[in-house]
Protein backbone atom coordinates (compact mmCIF):
# COMPACT_ATOMS: atom_id res chain seq x y z
CA MET A 1 -70.76 -0.15 -11.15
CA ARG A 2 -67.60 1.41 -9.74
CA ASN A 3 -67.27 2.65 -6.23
CA PRO A 4 -65.54 6.07 -6.38
CA GLN A 5 -64.31 5.81 -2.78
CA ILE A 6 -62.50 2.53 -3.42
CA PHE A 7 -61.01 3.92 -6.62
CA HIS A 8 -59.83 7.03 -4.76
CA LYS A 9 -58.28 4.90 -1.97
CA LEU A 10 -56.50 2.75 -4.54
CA GLN A 11 -55.22 5.85 -6.29
CA ILE A 12 -53.87 7.28 -3.03
CA THR A 13 -52.28 3.94 -2.13
CA PHE A 14 -50.62 3.69 -5.54
CA THR A 15 -49.34 7.26 -5.28
CA LEU A 16 -47.89 6.65 -1.81
CA GLU A 17 -46.24 3.42 -2.96
CA HIS A 18 -44.75 5.26 -5.92
CA VAL A 19 -43.39 8.02 -3.67
CA ILE A 20 -41.91 5.44 -1.28
CA TYR A 21 -40.35 3.55 -4.20
CA LYS A 22 -38.76 6.74 -5.54
CA LYS A 23 -37.39 7.52 -2.07
CA VAL A 24 -35.92 4.03 -1.72
CA VAL A 25 -34.26 4.33 -5.13
CA MET A 26 -32.86 7.74 -4.17
CA ILE A 27 -31.45 6.40 -0.88
CA TYR A 28 -29.94 3.38 -2.65
CA THR A 29 -28.34 5.61 -5.28
CA GLN A 30 -26.99 8.01 -2.66
CA THR A 31 -25.58 5.11 -0.63
CA LYS A 32 -23.86 3.74 -3.72
CA VAL A 33 -22.39 7.16 -4.51
CA ASN A 34 -21.24 7.58 -0.91
CA LYS A 35 -19.52 4.17 -0.97
CA GLU A 36 -17.73 5.05 -4.20
CA MET A 37 -16.67 8.42 -2.80
CA ALA A 38 -15.48 6.79 0.42
CA ALA A 39 -13.41 4.28 -1.56
CA ARG A 40 -11.83 7.07 -3.63
CA LEU A 41 -11.10 9.13 -0.53
CA GLN A 42 -9.60 6.12 1.23
CA ALA A 43 -7.37 5.45 -1.79
CA GLU A 44 -6.27 9.09 -1.94
CA LEU A 45 -5.55 9.17 1.78
CA SER A 46 -3.52 5.97 1.62
CA ILE A 47 -1.47 7.42 -1.27
CA ASP A 48 -0.93 10.65 0.70
CA ALA A 49 0.03 8.68 3.80
CA LEU A 50 2.46 6.58 1.79
CA GLY A 51 3.93 9.74 0.27
CA ASP A 52 4.40 11.27 3.70
CA TYR A 53 5.92 8.11 5.12
CA GLU A 54 8.37 7.36 2.32
CA GLY A 55 9.07 10.87 1.10
CA ILE A 56 7.46 10.17 -2.27
CA GLY A 57 6.66 13.10 -4.50
CA ASP A 58 6.83 16.67 -3.26
CA LYS A 59 6.38 15.74 0.34
CA ALA A 60 9.16 15.11 2.80
CA SER A 61 8.94 12.26 5.25
CA PRO A 62 7.88 13.08 8.82
CA SER A 63 11.42 12.46 10.09
CA THR A 64 12.88 14.83 7.48
CA ARG A 65 10.45 17.55 8.48
CA ALA A 66 11.22 17.08 12.16
CA HIS A 67 15.01 16.68 11.76
CA PRO A 68 16.37 18.10 8.50
CA LYS A 69 19.64 16.58 7.30
CA LYS A 70 22.74 18.60 8.04
CA VAL A 71 24.85 19.28 4.97
CA GLY A 72 28.63 19.58 5.31
C-alpha cells in the first residue's frame, strides 16, 4: 500500500533537485562563457595596446600623436 503523502513529498523533492541541478548547469555554462569572453577581450586589448605602443597598423604611437614629426 502506497502512502500518497510520501509519494508527493518525494515528487516535490525530485522536482526541486532537478531545478537546482539545471540552475547549477546554467551557472557553470555562463561562467565558462564569461571566462572565454574575458580571454578573448584580454587578447584583443593586448593587441590594441601593442598597436598603440609600437605604431602597428592604422594607429600611431602615443608619442607620435602627442608630438608629430616635423617634415623639412
